[in-house]
Amino acid sequence: MIQYIAGSIGFVIWLFLLHVLNKSKLNFWYFLVGSAGAFVLMLVFLQPFLTQPLARIVALLAGLPGKIGDIYSAHYKYGVIFVQTYEGAISLKIDFECSGIIEIMAYLSLLIFYRVYTVYERFCVGILGVIAMILANALRITVICLMIYFGGIDTYYIAHTFVGRLVFYALSVLLYFYVFTKPQIIKQKVGSFRYDSD
């Protein structure tokens, strides 16, 4: 209850700051304060309700290759994946950190205040980006499960801490390039020269 009261007070202060920064035409600070505030507010108000459903979706998607190959099984209602190896069994719980909720909220927070796109474009790119991040996270979990299945339980640490994260963050960087960097470069104008001119 206290977090919602504090979040509500923070929301009012955030809106006031955005109004002042927008009126002052301080675009960089408007983007920075807007994105950071949106991220914190999403964590306070949305994260408690979205983490478990997102974990279930990721478990369901990551479980498909295991089911097809009869390699591991996913119990998506609980956000758990069960991997049987030659050394024994291990269960992976997809929780707050593994659900991808933090990365998705960071992506949306930046996109909301990214003025290269129109509001409609931001909405469409936001939906496509969230889908891409969910699929990237499911691929990360799949890679972890496959490494454990073929390499044994001892590979869990390397698979989860290094390989899985490398897969997810490499795909995230690719997404960020196509969503944020490339459009900024294309729409940039230097004097009379534009990158998007024919």
C-alpha atoms as a PDB file:
ATOM      1  CA  MET A   1       0.000   0.000   0.000  1.00  0.00           C
ATOM      2  CA  ILE A   2       2.827   2.391   0.893  1.00  0.00           C
ATOM      3  CA  GLN A   3       4.507   1.786  -2.474  1.00  0.00           C
ATOM      4  CA  TYR A   4       1.306   2.802  -4.299  1.00  0.00           C
ATOM      5  CA  ILE A   5       0.972   6.006  -2.254  1.00  0.00           C
ATOM      6  CA  ALA A   6       4.636   6.857  -2.855  1.00  0.00           C
ATOM      7  CA  GLY A   7       4.201   5.931  -6.527  1.00  0.00           C
ATOM      8  CA  SER A   8       1.175   8.215  -6.842  1.00  0.00           C
ATOM      9  CA  ILE A   9       3.069  11.136  -5.288  1.00  0.00           C
ATOM     10  CA  GLY A  10       6.020  10.388  -7.566  1.00  0.00           C
ATOM     11  CA  PHE A  11       3.681  10.296 -10.562  1.00  0.00           C
ATOM     12  CA  VAL A  12       2.381  13.825  -9.825  1.00  0.00           C
ATOM     13  CA  ILE A  13       5.930  15.173  -9.333  1.00  0.00           C
ATOM     14  CA  TRP A  14       7.039  13.427 -12.542  1.00  0.00           C
ATOM     15  CA  LEU A  15       4.183  14.987 -14.553  1.00  0.00           C
ATOM     16  CA  PHE A  16       5.049  18.434 -13.179  1.00  0.00           C
ATOM     17  CA  LEU A  17       8.725  18.012 -14.120  1.00  0.00           C
ATOM     18  CA  LEU A  18       7.775  16.856 -17.612  1.00  0.00           C
ATOM     19  CA  HIS A  19       5.544  19.895 -18.043  1.00  0.00           C
ATOM     20  CA  VAL A  20       8.320  22.276 -16.966  1.00  0.00           C
ATOM     21  CA  LEU A  21      10.953  20.589 -19.156  1.00  0.00           C
ATOM     22  CA  ASN A  22       8.642  20.520 -22.170  1.00  0.00           C
ATOM     23  CA  LYS A  23       7.758  24.215 -21.772  1.00  0.00           C
ATOM     24  CA  SER A  24      11.471  25.044 -21.431  1.00  0.00           C
ATOM     25  CA  LYS A  25      12.240  23.019 -24.598  1.00  0.00           C
ATOM     26  CA  LEU A  26      14.914  21.021 -22.779  1.00  0.00           C
ATOM     27  CA  ASN A  27      14.455  17.982 -24.996  1.00  0.00           C
ATOM     28  CA  PHE A  28      17.315  15.884 -23.654  1.00  0.00           C
ATOM     29  CA  TRP A  29      16.198  16.334 -20.021  1.00  0.00           C
ATOM     30  CA  TYR A  30      12.583  15.742 -21.028  1.00  0.00           C
ATOM     31  CA  PHE A  31      13.612  12.412 -22.584  1.00  0.00           C
ATOM     32  CA  LEU A  32      15.827  11.461 -19.633  1.00  0.00           C
ATOM     33  CA  VAL A  33      13.363  12.364 -16.861  1.00  0.00           C
ATOM     34  CA  GLY A  34      10.440  10.978 -18.858  1.00  0.00           C
ATOM     35  CA  SER A  35      12.096   7.621 -19.562  1.00  0.00           C
ATOM     36  CA  ALA A  36      13.489   7.161 -16.047  1.00  0.00           C
ATOM     37  CA  GLY A  37      10.188   8.147 -14.451  1.00  0.00           C
ATOM     38  CA  ALA A  38       8.148   5.898 -16.742  1.00  0.00           C
ATOM     39  CA  PHE A  39      10.442   2.963 -15.896  1.00  0.00           C
ATOM     40  CA  VAL A  40      10.110   3.473 -12.133  1.00  0.00           C
ATOM     41  CA  LEU A  41       6.336   3.944 -12.366  1.00  0.00           C
ATOM     42  CA  MET A  42       5.981   0.787 -14.452  1.00  0.00           C
ATOM     43  CA  LEU A  43       7.965  -1.136 -11.848  1.00  0.00           C
ATOM     44  CA  VAL A  44       5.739   0.174  -9.061  1.00  0.00           C
ATOM     45  CA  PHE A  45       2.339  -0.173 -10.716  1.00  0.00           C
ATOM     46  CA  LEU A  46       2.615  -2.796 -13.496  1.00  0.00           C
ATOM     47  CA  GLN A  47       5.401  -5.201 -12.540  1.00  0.00           C
ATOM     48  CA  PRO A  48       3.498  -6.939  -9.699  1.00  0.00           C
ATOM     49  CA  PHE A  49       0.684  -7.840 -12.114  1.00  0.00           C
ATOM     50  CA  LEU A  50       2.683  -8.651 -15.256  1.00  0.00           C
ATOM     51  CA  THR A  51       5.623 -10.726 -13.985  1.00  0.00           C
ATOM     52  CA  GLN A  52       3.789 -14.035 -13.505  1.00  0.00           C
ATOM     53  CA  PRO A  53       1.824 -13.947 -16.791  1.00  0.00           C
ATOM     54  CA  LEU A  54       5.027 -13.044 -18.637  1.00  0.00           C
ATOM     55  CA  ALA A  55       6.909 -15.893 -16.923  1.00  0.00           C
ATOM     56  CA  ARG A  56       4.171 -18.292 -18.061  1.00  0.00           C
ATOM     57  CA  ILE A  57       4.383 -17.081 -21.664  1.00  0.00           C
ATOM     58  CA  VAL A  58       8.181 -17.437 -21.679  1.00  0.00           C
ATOM     59  CA  ALA A  59       7.936 -20.931 -20.138  1.00  0.00           C
ATOM     60  CA  LEU A  60       5.353 -21.936 -22.750  1.00  0.00           C
ATOM     61  CA  LEU A  61       7.443 -20.672 -25.681  1.00  0.00           C
ATOM     62  CA  ALA A  62      10.720 -22.059 -24.312  1.00  0.00           C
ATOM     63  CA  GLY A  63       9.009 -25.377 -23.631  1.00  0.00           C
ATOM     64  CA  LEU A  64       7.942 -25.898 -27.254  1.00  0.00           C
ATOM     65  CA  PRO A  65      11.364 -27.066 -28.552  1.00  0.00           C
ATOM     66  CA  GLY A  66      11.691 -29.349 -25.517  1.00  0.00           C
ATOM     67  CA  LYS A  67       8.293 -30.858 -26.153  1.00  0.00           C
ATOM     68  CA  ILE A  68       8.905 -31.296 -29.882  1.00  0.00           C
ATOM     69  CA  GLY A  69      12.269 -32.984 -29.284  1.00  0.00           C
ATOM     70  CA  ASP A  70      11.115 -34.765 -26.124  1.00  0.00           C
ATOM     71  CA  ILE A  71      14.130 -33.255 -24.364  1.00  0.00           C
ATOM     72  CA  TYR A  72      12.618 -31.315 -21.437  1.00  0.00           C
ATOM     73  CA  SER A  73       9.168 -30.352 -20.239  1.00  0.00           C
ATOM     74  CA  ALA A  74       7.648 -27.002 -19.320  1.00  0.00           C
ATOM     75  CA  HIS A  75       4.947 -26.522 -16.722  1.00  0.00           C
ATOM     76  CA  TYR A  76       3.936 -23.089 -17.936  1.00  0.00           C
ATOM     77  CA  LYS A  77       1.141 -22.601 -15.397  1.00  0.00           C
ATOM     78  CA  TYR A  78       3.832 -22.418 -12.725  1.00  0.00           C
ATOM     79  CA  GLY A  79       6.592 -20.895 -14.872  1.00  0.00           C
ATOM     80  CA  VAL A  80       8.795 -23.961 -14.348  1.00  0.00           C
ATOM     81  CA  ILE A  81      10.873 -25.991 -16.806  1.00  0.00           C
ATOM     82  CA  PHE A  82      12.007 -29.497 -15.849  1.00  0.00           C
ATOM     83  CA  VAL A  83      15.196 -30.790 -17.516  1.00  0.00           C
ATOM     84  CA  GLN A  84      16.172 -34.450 -17.164  1.00  0.00           C
ATOM     85  CA  THR A  85      19.882 -35.123 -17.785  1.00  0.00           C
ATOM     86  CA  TYR A  86      22.080 -38.210 -17.601  1.00  0.00           C
ATOM     87  CA  GLU A  87      23.265 -36.929 -14.181  1.00  0.00           C
ATOM     88  CA  GLY A  88      19.815 -36.329 -12.754  1.00  0.00           C
ATOM     89  CA  ALA A  89      17.088 -33.718 -13.013  1.00  0.00           C
ATOM     90  CA  ILE A  90      16.985 -29.981 -12.530  1.00  0.00           C
ATOM     91  CA  SER A  91      14.037 -27.588 -12.466  1.00  0.00           C
ATOM     92  CA  LEU A  92      14.294 -24.004 -13.664  1.00  0.00           C
ATOM     93  CA  LYS A  93      11.907 -21.438 -12.189  1.00  0.00           C
ATOM     94  CA  ILE A  94      11.233 -18.436 -14.390  1.00  0.00           C
ATOM     95  CA  ASP A  95      10.910 -15.648 -11.848  1.00  0.00           C
ATOM     96  CA  PHE A  96      11.057 -11.840 -11.806  1.00  0.00           C
ATOM     97  CA  GLU A  97      14.579 -11.588 -13.216  1.00  0.00           C
ATOM     98  CA  CYS A  98      14.188 -14.358 -15.802  1.00  0.00           C
ATOM     99  CA  SER A  99      10.798 -13.193 -17.078  1.00  0.00           C
ATOM    100  CA  GLY A 100      12.343 -10.289 -19.025  1.00  0.00           C
ATOM    101  CA  ILE A 101       9.979  -7.776 -17.409  1.00  0.00           C
ATOM    102  CA  ILE A 102      12.798  -5.358 -16.499  1.00  0.00           C
ATOM    103  CA  GLU A 103      14.172  -5.296 -20.044  1.00  0.00           C
ATOM    104  CA  ILE A 104      10.714  -4.886 -21.584  1.00  0.00           C
ATOM    105  CA  MET A 105       9.846  -2.002 -19.266  1.00  0.00           C
ATOM    106  CA  ALA A 106      13.185  -0.297 -19.979  1.00  0.00           C
ATOM    107  CA  TYR A 107      12.562  -0.650 -23.725  1.00  0.00           C
ATOM    108  CA  LEU A 108       9.030   0.777 -23.494  1.00  0.00           C
ATOM    109  CA  SER A 109      10.147   3.611 -21.201  1.00  0.00           C
ATOM    110  CA  LEU A 110      12.724   4.760 -23.732  1.00  0.00           C
ATOM    111  CA  LEU A 111      10.361   4.337 -26.684  1.00  0.00           C
ATOM    112  CA  ILE A 112       7.519   6.353 -25.132  1.00  0.00           C
ATOM    113  CA  PHE A 113       9.684   9.490 -25.093  1.00  0.00           C
ATOM    114  CA  TYR A 114      11.608   8.829 -28.323  1.00  0.00           C
ATOM    115  CA  ARG A 115      10.353  11.594 -30.610  1.00  0.00           C
ATOM    116  CA  VAL A 116      11.809  10.217 -33.830  1.00  0.00           C
ATOM    117  CA  TYR A 117       8.561   8.257 -34.220  1.00  0.00           C
ATOM    118  CA  THR A 118       4.967   9.472 -34.304  1.00  0.00           C
ATOM    119  CA  VAL A 119       2.620   8.260 -31.549  1.00  0.00           C
ATOM    120  CA  TYR A 120       1.145   5.618 -33.884  1.00  0.00           C
ATOM    121  CA  GLU A 121       4.640   4.448 -34.917  1.00  0.00           C
ATOM    122  CA  ARG A 122       5.710   4.231 -31.263  1.00  0.00           C
ATOM    123  CA  PHE A 123       2.646   2.114 -30.507  1.00  0.00           C
ATOM    124  CA  CYS A 124       3.373  -0.305 -33.380  1.00  0.00           C
ATOM    125  CA  VAL A 125       7.127  -0.449 -32.707  1.00  0.00           C
ATOM    126  CA  GLY A 126       6.366  -0.945 -29.014  1.00  0.00           C
ATOM    127  CA  ILE A 127       4.180  -3.996 -29.653  1.00  0.00           C
ATOM    128  CA  LEU A 128       6.642  -5.510 -32.131  1.00  0.00           C
ATOM    129  CA  GLY A 129       9.559  -4.817 -29.785  1.00  0.00           C
ATOM    130  CA  VAL A 130       7.840  -6.458 -26.809  1.00  0.00           C
ATOM    131  CA  ILE A 131       7.083  -9.540 -28.929  1.00  0.00           C
ATOM    132  CA  ALA A 132      10.705  -9.625 -30.116  1.00  0.00           C
ATOM    133  CA  MET A 133      12.012  -9.385 -26.536  1.00  0.00           C
ATOM    134  CA  ILE A 134       9.694 -12.144 -25.325  1.00  0.00           C
ATOM    135  CA  LEU A 135      10.877 -14.394 -28.181  1.00  0.00           C
ATOM    136  CA  ALA A 136      14.527 -13.493 -27.466  1.00  0.00           C
ATOM    137  CA  ASN A 137      14.053 -14.366 -23.796  1.00  0.00           C
ATOM    138  CA  ALA A 138      12.348 -17.652 -24.697  1.00  0.00           C
ATOM    139  CA  LEU A 139      15.299 -18.451 -26.972  1.00  0.00           C
ATOM    140  CA  ARG A 140      17.659 -17.675 -24.076  1.00  0.00           C
ATOM    141  CA  ILE A 141      15.811 -20.125 -21.806  1.00  0.00           C
ATOM    142  CA  THR A 142      15.787 -22.726 -24.607  1.00  0.00           C
ATOM    143  CA  VAL A 143      19.556 -22.417 -25.040  1.00  0.00           C
ATOM    144  CA  ILE A 144      20.030 -22.821 -21.272  1.00  0.00           C
ATOM    145  CA  CYS A 145      17.818 -25.932 -21.194  1.00  0.00           C
ATOM    146  CA  LEU A 146      19.571 -27.502 -24.198  1.00  0.00           C
ATOM    147  CA  MET A 147      23.004 -26.867 -22.696  1.00  0.00           C
ATOM    148  CA  ILE A 148      21.921 -28.479 -19.426  1.00  0.00           C
ATOM    149  CA  TYR A 149      20.328 -31.436 -21.219  1.00  0.00           C
ATOM    150  CA  PHE A 150      23.368 -32.197 -23.387  1.00  0.00           C
ATOM    151  CA  GLY A 151      26.099 -30.994 -21.032  1.00  0.00           C
ATOM    152  CA  GLY A 152      24.732 -32.052 -17.666  1.00  0.00           C
ATOM    153  CA  ILE A 153      23.767 -30.171 -14.518  1.00  0.00           C
ATOM    154  CA  ASP A 154      27.310 -28.803 -14.108  1.00  0.00           C
ATOM    155  CA  THR A 155      26.796 -26.604 -17.180  1.00  0.00           C
ATOM    156  CA  TYR A 156      23.917 -24.716 -15.514  1.00  0.00           C
ATOM    157  CA  TYR A 157      26.059 -21.865 -14.184  1.00  0.00           C
ATOM    158  CA  ILE A 158      27.832 -21.215 -17.496  1.00  0.00           C
ATOM    159  CA  ALA A 159      24.603 -21.636 -19.486  1.00  0.00           C
ATOM    160  CA  HIS A 160      22.575 -19.286 -17.281  1.00  0.00           C
ATOM    161  CA  THR A 161      25.184 -16.702 -16.318  1.00  0.00           C
ATOM    162  CA  PHE A 162      27.101 -16.356 -19.575  1.00  0.00           C
ATOM    163  CA  VAL A 163      25.709 -18.070 -22.677  1.00  0.00           C
ATOM    164  CA  GLY A 164      22.023 -17.348 -22.039  1.00  0.00           C
ATOM    165  CA  ARG A 165      22.666 -13.712 -21.240  1.00  0.00           C
ATOM    166  CA  LEU A 166      24.948 -13.343 -24.255  1.00  0.00           C
ATOM    167  CA  VAL A 167      22.173 -14.653 -26.528  1.00  0.00           C
ATOM    168  CA  PHE A 168      19.513 -12.388 -24.994  1.00  0.00           C
ATOM    169  CA  TYR A 169      21.605  -9.223 -24.875  1.00  0.00           C
ATOM    170  CA  ALA A 170      22.987  -9.736 -28.394  1.00  0.00           C
ATOM    171  CA  LEU A 171      19.419  -9.924 -29.707  1.00  0.00           C
ATOM    172  CA  SER A 172      18.441  -6.922 -27.544  1.00  0.00           C
ATOM    173  CA  VAL A 173      21.314  -4.838 -28.960  1.00  0.00           C
ATOM    174  CA  LEU A 174      20.158  -5.771 -32.468  1.00  0.00           C
ATOM    175  CA  LEU A 175      16.602  -4.681 -31.596  1.00  0.00           C
ATOM    176  CA  TYR A 176      17.841  -1.402 -30.082  1.00  0.00           C
ATOM    177  CA  PHE A 177      19.894  -0.711 -33.204  1.00  0.00           C
ATOM    178  CA  TYR A 178      16.897  -1.101 -35.522  1.00  0.00           C
ATOM    179  CA  VAL A 179      14.468   0.716 -33.218  1.00  0.00           C
ATOM    180  CA  PHE A 180      16.586   3.563 -31.840  1.00  0.00           C
ATOM    181  CA  THR A 181      19.917   4.034 -33.642  1.00  0.00           C
ATOM    182  CA  LYS A 182      19.096   3.452 -37.311  1.00  0.00           C
ATOM    183  CA  PRO A 183      15.956   5.666 -37.439  1.00  0.00           C
ATOM    184  CA  GLN A 184      17.834   8.473 -35.655  1.00  0.00           C
ATOM    185  CA  ILE A 185      20.630   8.336 -38.225  1.00  0.00           C
ATOM    186  CA  ILE A 186      18.221   8.145 -41.177  1.00  0.00           C
ATOM    187  CA  LYS A 187      16.116  11.101 -40.003  1.00  0.00           C
ATOM    188  CA  GLN A 188      19.099  13.202 -38.975  1.00  0.00           C
ATOM    189  CA  LYS A 189      19.643  16.425 -40.891  1.00  0.00           C
ATOM    190  CA  VAL A 190      23.036  18.122 -41.176  1.00  0.00           C
ATOM    191  CA  GLY A 191      22.715  21.499 -42.915  1.00  0.00           C
ATOM    192  CA  SER A 192      20.935  20.881 -46.199  1.00  0.00           C
ATOM    193  CA  PHE A 193      21.986  17.206 -46.219  1.00  0.00           C
ATOM    194  CA  ARG A 194      19.594  14.485 -45.076  1.00  0.00           C
ATOM    195  CA  TYR A 195      20.346  10.773 -44.795  1.00  0.00           C
ATOM    196  CA  ASP A 196      16.873   9.799 -46.015  1.00  0.00           C
ATOM    197  CA  SER A 197      17.061  11.833 -49.248  1.00  0.00           C
ATOM    198  CA  ASP A 198      17.137   9.922 -52.535  1.00  0.00           C
END
